[in-house]
Amino acid sequence: MILQTFCFGPLGTNAILFGCQETKRCAVIDPGVGSAKVLLGVLRDKELLLEKILLTHSHWDHIAGVAELKRETGAAVYLHPFDAQNLEYPGSDKIPLFVPVEGAHADELLQDGQILDVGHIKVHVIHTPGHSPGGVCFYLPEQKLLFSGDTLFRGTIGNLQLPTASEESMWPSLKKLAALPPDTQVFPGHGKETTIGQESWLANAKKIFTE
């Protein structure tokens, strides 16, 4: 499997390139500020075909490179419908933009439980609202990997004080993640990797974060 992580922009947003070693088909998750040129260089140098841009949610720091990357590669953009408007009109979620962000159109709207193909890799979509209404995680069961966006970080969770965040939506989302195998490696939208097993508090997150 191809797997490479990058950190971009003023908020240190993680962009993740992953793909199928056999077919050279790949996807990028959350290309942030200043990411497009770097990612394009990697794709060219490794002779990879970018076929999908997968978005965990539409906050500006996760989508700033989408329009350029889509324009240069023709890759399709995938996003949950609840976040689609903010991708087209960045800032419509009332979160201030630190930098100019070009809008883009989602080519496919994701649904909970959907399975995507990236070469021979199966990617399961888990809808995890809370930090954002259209937040999703991407789960690769055969590889034991979870790309958690801003739903789950090492030792904590995504900001619930933002205009479109919902505490009551977050707790069921975290319970979904708590049910994954403990040896699942987690790559979050910010910060370092962890595992589901290391985040043993997940099932009790509501009590921990509201008391």
Protein backbone atom coordinates (compact mmCIF):
# COMPACT_ATOMS: atom_id res chain seq x y z
CA MET A 1 0.00 0.00 0.00
CA ILE A 2 1.07 3.56 -0.73
CA LEU A 3 0.70 5.85 2.30
CA GLN A 4 2.24 9.27 2.85
CA THR A 5 1.19 12.09 5.20
CA PHE A 6 1.85 15.82 4.92
CA CYS A 7 1.19 18.80 7.18
CA PHE A 8 0.07 22.08 5.61
CA GLY A 9 -1.15 25.54 6.47
CA PRO A 10 -1.45 27.77 9.53
CA LEU A 11 -3.43 25.18 11.51
CA GLY A 12 -1.12 22.26 10.75
CA THR A 13 -3.71 20.29 8.79
CA ASN A 14 -2.80 16.77 7.77
CA ALA A 15 -3.23 15.80 4.12
CA ILE A 16 -2.95 12.09 3.39
CA LEU A 17 -2.03 10.41 0.13
CA PHE A 18 -2.83 6.71 -0.05
CA GLY A 19 -3.27 4.20 -2.79
CA CYS A 20 -2.90 0.78 -4.31
CA GLN A 21 0.69 -0.24 -4.99
CA GLU A 22 -0.37 -2.69 -7.69
CA THR A 23 -2.54 -0.35 -9.78
CA LYS A 24 -0.89 2.98 -8.85
CA ARG A 25 -4.37 4.42 -8.35
CA CYS A 26 -4.61 6.68 -5.32
CA ALA A 27 -6.65 9.18 -3.33
CA VAL A 28 -5.86 12.30 -1.33
CA ILE A 29 -7.67 13.12 1.89
CA ASP A 30 -8.13 16.77 2.90
CA PRO A 31 -5.69 18.74 0.72
CA GLY A 32 -5.21 21.92 2.73
CA VAL A 33 -3.52 25.29 2.31
CA GLY A 34 -0.53 25.13 -0.04
CA SER A 35 -0.88 21.39 -0.57
CA ALA A 36 -1.69 21.14 -4.27
CA LYS A 37 1.75 21.83 -5.74
CA VAL A 38 3.48 19.51 -3.28
CA LEU A 39 1.00 16.70 -3.91
CA LEU A 40 1.18 17.16 -7.66
CA GLY A 41 4.96 16.82 -7.46
CA VAL A 42 4.71 13.58 -5.50
CA LEU A 43 2.13 12.17 -7.92
CA ARG A 44 4.38 13.00 -10.85
CA ASP A 45 7.58 11.67 -9.28
CA LYS A 46 5.98 8.37 -8.22
CA GLU A 47 3.90 8.04 -11.41
CA LEU A 48 0.64 7.78 -9.51
CA LEU A 49 -2.88 8.35 -10.83
CA LEU A 50 -4.99 10.49 -8.52
CA GLU A 51 -8.60 9.41 -9.03
CA LYS A 52 -10.29 10.62 -5.84
CA ILE A 53 -10.15 13.62 -3.50
CA LEU A 54 -11.82 12.51 -0.27
CA LEU A 55 -12.94 15.15 2.22
CA THR A 56 -13.61 14.38 5.87
CA HIS A 57 -15.46 17.71 6.12
CA SER A 58 -15.47 21.16 4.50
CA HIS A 59 -13.73 23.46 6.97
CA TRP A 60 -11.46 25.83 5.07
CA ASP A 61 -8.18 24.37 6.32
CA HIS A 62 -9.13 20.96 4.87
CA ILE A 63 -10.35 22.13 1.45
CA ALA A 64 -8.04 24.98 0.41
CA GLY A 65 -6.17 22.84 -2.14
CA VAL A 66 -9.17 21.02 -3.59
CA ALA A 67 -9.96 23.29 -6.55
CA GLU A 68 -6.39 23.38 -7.86
CA LEU A 69 -5.82 19.66 -7.35
CA LYS A 70 -9.07 18.82 -9.11
CA ARG A 71 -8.28 21.18 -11.99
CA GLU A 72 -4.80 19.74 -12.53
CA THR A 73 -5.67 16.04 -12.21
CA GLY A 74 -9.35 15.67 -13.06
CA ALA A 75 -9.83 13.71 -9.84
CA ALA A 76 -13.39 13.42 -8.54
CA VAL A 77 -14.25 15.12 -5.25
CA TYR A 78 -16.18 13.16 -2.60
CA LEU A 79 -17.94 14.84 0.35
CA HIS A 80 -20.97 14.31 2.57
CA PRO A 81 -24.00 16.35 1.39
CA PHE A 82 -24.33 18.20 4.72
CA ASP A 83 -20.98 19.90 4.03
CA ALA A 84 -21.34 20.38 0.27
CA GLN A 85 -22.50 24.01 0.38
CA ASN A 86 -19.44 25.14 2.31
CA LEU A 87 -17.15 23.48 -0.24
CA GLU A 88 -18.80 25.47 -3.03
CA TYR A 89 -18.96 28.68 -0.98
CA PRO A 90 -16.13 28.58 1.56
CA GLY A 91 -17.00 30.53 4.67
CA SER A 92 -20.74 29.97 4.38
CA ASP A 93 -20.42 27.93 7.57
CA LYS A 94 -19.60 31.26 9.31
CA ILE A 95 -16.08 30.16 10.24
CA PRO A 96 -13.65 33.00 9.38
CA LEU A 97 -11.21 32.21 6.57
CA PHE A 98 -7.56 32.80 7.48
CA VAL A 99 -6.61 32.71 3.77
CA PRO A 100 -8.49 33.01 0.47
CA VAL A 101 -10.09 29.67 -0.44
CA GLU A 102 -11.38 28.83 -3.91
CA GLY A 103 -14.65 26.94 -3.92
CA ALA A 104 -15.14 23.59 -5.63
CA HIS A 105 -17.98 21.24 -6.54
CA ALA A 106 -18.44 17.78 -5.06
CA ASP A 107 -18.71 15.16 -7.79
CA GLU A 108 -20.15 12.51 -5.48
CA LEU A 109 -22.03 12.92 -2.21
CA LEU A 110 -21.05 10.37 0.41
CA GLN A 111 -23.42 8.29 2.49
CA ASP A 112 -22.86 6.39 5.73
CA GLY A 113 -21.85 2.80 5.02
CA GLN A 114 -20.81 3.47 1.43
CA ILE A 115 -17.77 1.56 0.16
CA LEU A 116 -15.35 3.18 -2.28
CA ASP A 117 -12.62 1.55 -4.35
CA VAL A 118 -9.12 2.98 -4.66
CA GLY A 119 -7.46 0.41 -6.86
CA HIS A 120 -7.85 -2.82 -4.88
CA ILE A 121 -8.34 -0.98 -1.58
CA LYS A 122 -11.81 -0.89 -0.03
CA VAL A 123 -12.65 2.37 1.76
CA HIS A 124 -15.67 2.38 4.10
CA VAL A 125 -17.41 5.69 4.79
CA ILE A 126 -18.47 6.31 8.40
CA HIS A 127 -20.66 9.40 8.93
CA THR A 128 -19.42 11.04 12.11
CA PRO A 129 -21.22 14.36 12.62
CA GLY A 130 -20.35 16.54 15.59
CA HIS A 131 -17.41 18.75 14.69
CA SER A 132 -19.19 19.35 11.38
CA PRO A 133 -22.62 18.14 10.22
CA GLY A 134 -21.15 16.33 7.23
CA GLY A 135 -18.09 14.97 8.98
CA VAL A 136 -16.99 11.50 7.89
CA CYS A 137 -14.16 9.10 8.67
CA PHE A 138 -12.63 6.78 6.10
CA TYR A 139 -12.01 3.23 7.34
CA LEU A 140 -9.84 0.66 5.58
CA PRO A 141 -10.62 -2.60 7.43
CA GLU A 142 -8.15 -4.82 5.56
CA GLN A 143 -5.30 -2.40 6.27
CA LYS A 144 -6.57 -1.61 9.80
CA LEU A 145 -6.47 2.13 9.13
CA LEU A 146 -8.84 4.96 10.02
CA PHE A 147 -8.58 8.48 8.65
CA SER A 148 -10.54 10.37 11.29
CA GLY A 149 -10.48 14.00 10.11
CA ASP A 150 -11.38 16.31 13.01
CA THR A 151 -13.67 13.82 14.75
CA LEU A 152 -10.92 12.11 16.74
CA PHE A 153 -7.40 13.23 17.67
CA ARG A 154 -4.81 11.63 19.90
CA GLY A 155 -6.32 12.08 23.38
CA THR A 156 -9.13 14.41 22.41
CA ILE A 157 -11.93 15.29 19.97
CA GLY A 158 -12.75 18.00 17.45
CA ASN A 159 -13.83 21.50 18.49
CA LEU A 160 -17.54 21.57 19.39
CA GLN A 161 -17.76 25.34 19.78
CA LEU A 162 -17.88 26.14 16.05
CA PRO A 163 -21.06 27.53 14.44
CA THR A 164 -22.19 24.27 12.82
CA ALA A 165 -20.88 21.86 15.49
CA SER A 166 -23.18 19.67 17.58
CA GLU A 167 -22.31 18.06 20.89
CA GLU A 168 -25.26 15.70 20.78
CA SER A 169 -24.21 14.44 17.34
CA MET A 170 -20.61 13.87 18.41
CA TRP A 171 -21.24 11.27 21.12
CA PRO A 172 -22.88 8.65 18.87
CA SER A 173 -20.16 9.30 16.29
CA LEU A 174 -17.43 8.51 18.80
CA LYS A 175 -19.23 5.33 19.86
CA LYS A 176 -19.05 4.16 16.24
CA LEU A 177 -15.29 4.60 16.33
CA ALA A 178 -15.00 2.93 19.74
CA ALA A 179 -16.47 -0.22 18.18
CA LEU A 180 -13.61 -0.57 15.68
CA PRO A 181 -10.81 -3.08 16.39
CA PRO A 182 -8.39 -1.73 19.01
CA ASP A 183 -5.37 -2.23 16.74
CA THR A 184 -6.83 0.12 14.12
CA GLN A 185 -4.26 2.83 13.41
CA VAL A 186 -5.77 6.31 13.39
CA PHE A 187 -4.53 9.17 11.24
CA PRO A 188 -6.29 12.38 12.40
CA GLY A 189 -6.79 15.70 10.65
CA HIS A 190 -4.27 17.39 12.97
CA GLY A 191 -1.47 16.05 15.11
CA LYS A 192 0.10 12.63 15.49
CA GLU A 193 -1.27 9.15 14.86
CA THR A 194 -2.83 6.96 17.51
CA THR A 195 -4.83 3.73 17.70
CA ILE A 196 -8.39 2.99 18.73
CA GLY A 197 -7.02 0.93 21.61
CA GLN A 198 -4.96 3.85 22.91
CA GLU A 199 -8.12 5.98 23.01
CA SER A 200 -9.86 3.73 25.53
CA TRP A 201 -11.97 6.67 26.73
CA LEU A 202 -13.96 6.84 23.46
CA ALA A 203 -17.05 4.98 24.64
CA ASN A 204 -17.30 7.33 27.65
CA ALA A 205 -16.53 10.53 25.76
CA LYS A 206 -19.80 12.28 26.64
CA LYS A 207 -19.19 11.92 30.36
CA ILE A 208 -15.53 12.97 30.06
CA PHE A 209 -16.12 16.06 27.94
CA THR A 210 -19.34 17.36 29.52
CA GLU A 211 -18.62 17.02 33.24
